[in-house]
Amino acid sequence: MRRDRIVPLIIAVALFMENMDATVIATSLPAIAADIGTNPLALKLAVTSYLLSLAIFIPASGWTADRFGARTVFRAAIGVFVIGSIGCALSGSLTDFVIARIVQGIGGAMMTPVGRLVLVRTISKRELVSAMAWVTMPALIGPVIGPPVGGFITTYATWHWIFIINVPIGLIGIALATRYIDDVRAEKHERFDVVGMVLCGFGIAGIAFGLSILGLNFLPWTVVAGLVAGGSLFMAAYIVHARRTPSPALDLTLFRLPTFHGSVIGGFAFRLGVGALPFLLPLLLQVGFGMSPFQSGLITFASAVGAITMKMAAARILRRFGFRTVLVSNAVISAAFLAACAAFTETTPVWVMLVLLLVGGFFRSLEFTSINTLAYAEVDTARMSRATALVSVVQQLAVAAGVAFGALAVETVVHLRGDGTLTAADFPPAFLAVAAVSIVSALMFARLPADAGAELANRLPAATEPPDPKPG
């Protein structure tokens, strides 16, 4: 198999393992809690500790890959993730389980940005759209199938297999990475920004954790507000620090590049809305319509099928229409399919839901692939590691904010009704609200240059067009 095909596949499998594991334990918490002698509410610490570990260690990924080599760090990240998985399976107490999840988070924090770094440094820009389509799918498919897979494994085996299954996958990933991935690294080693790492680590952790539990009634709202405010203060301090250091942990000067700014900021707005779908839809189907987790999972899996279908068409669509046109129009189309979920009722035929979710999944995946690829259009090789780290941080915040916004929208409707009981009628306004947020991203994408990402899409940049003939 060609290297430009197998490398994205290796990275995609590793990222799928990481993305699915972030959500797979959601339906298995009661069984795990009963087995290790704690209560499911306390076990939420395992979910939040994983998210915190991700948020804190992502900023270090770029420097680590530059210093020790992308292949070395990518293999080590898979190894750390596998060790954390074994620790989860062997846990006999809440403390053991939380520590193991933190270890998993450290591995996951390195896998995602370093995996993207391997792609952008080993795949030519003209092949990057197709390669990035593979890497985009795990982020879409993992959260969708994670809960039903977790429920299926817990029901028909034991919860331990949720984590044990990562061992053979991880070992195969390490072997394939050793054979097919080049150990690319920076020629010039920069000094590690320890102060910046601490500041942005606490900042990202406070904001991401606070947003993750906003609207979930997990902690008092004053504590949540304190976490977000404290995280924001740390990030403000980091911004001041970053202006004074030549090699910051997160290079915010990348936002001066029009394509990076447009894709990352516009992508944040898009994810803020669409990111709520994996949270809202299973709740509607299970709590609102009374379906089992497995039935719900089979329906939501249609989104994953749509994402896989997109893989074959993304490059051709971008080559035909260009990044700006696709991002603007597709943001509107994706938001429309998201809003269509507001029309779901108990009497809606399952096949109608499947069709809408499948087609919507196609357009959402096309948007994510376009966003993820365009971010690197103007980034030079020396700053690729910084770009992948910064993109991963923003995406992590967007996912946390998306779930928080969806939960807050539902909680607001329940509060306004006054009886405190969650019903199917509480979800339509939430779907419309998150769709409205997603569509705002179209305004940001519209500000991109007309020839944005022309080389990535195999289109002739405007600057290369022949000049008008001179008179005479």
Foldseek 3Di string as FASTA:
>chain_A
DDLLPVLLLLLLLLLLLLLQLLAQCVQVLCQLCVQLPHHSLLLVLLNLLLLLLLLLQLLVQLLVCQVFFLLVLLLVLLVQLLQLLLQCLPDNHSVSNSVSSSSNSNSSSNSQLSSVLLLVVPPDLQSSLLSLLSNLLSNQQSLLQSHLVSVVCVVPPNNSCSSNVSNVSSVVSSVVSVVRGDRDHHPDRDDADPLLSVLQSQLLSLLLSLLLCALVPSDPNVVSVVSNVVSVVSVVVSVVVQVVDPDHSANPCLCVDQLLVLLLVLVLLQLLLVLQCSVQQLCLCCVAQPDDSNVSSVLLCLLSLLSVVLSVPLLVVCLVQNLLVLLLVLLLVLLVLLLVVLVDDNPPDSVVSSVSSNNSSNSVSSNSSSSVSLNCLPPDSNCSSSSSSNSVSSSSSSSSSNNSQLSNQLSVQCVVVPPNRRYSNSRSSSSNVSSVSSNVSSVSSNPGDPCRSCSSSVHDGPVPDDDDDDDD
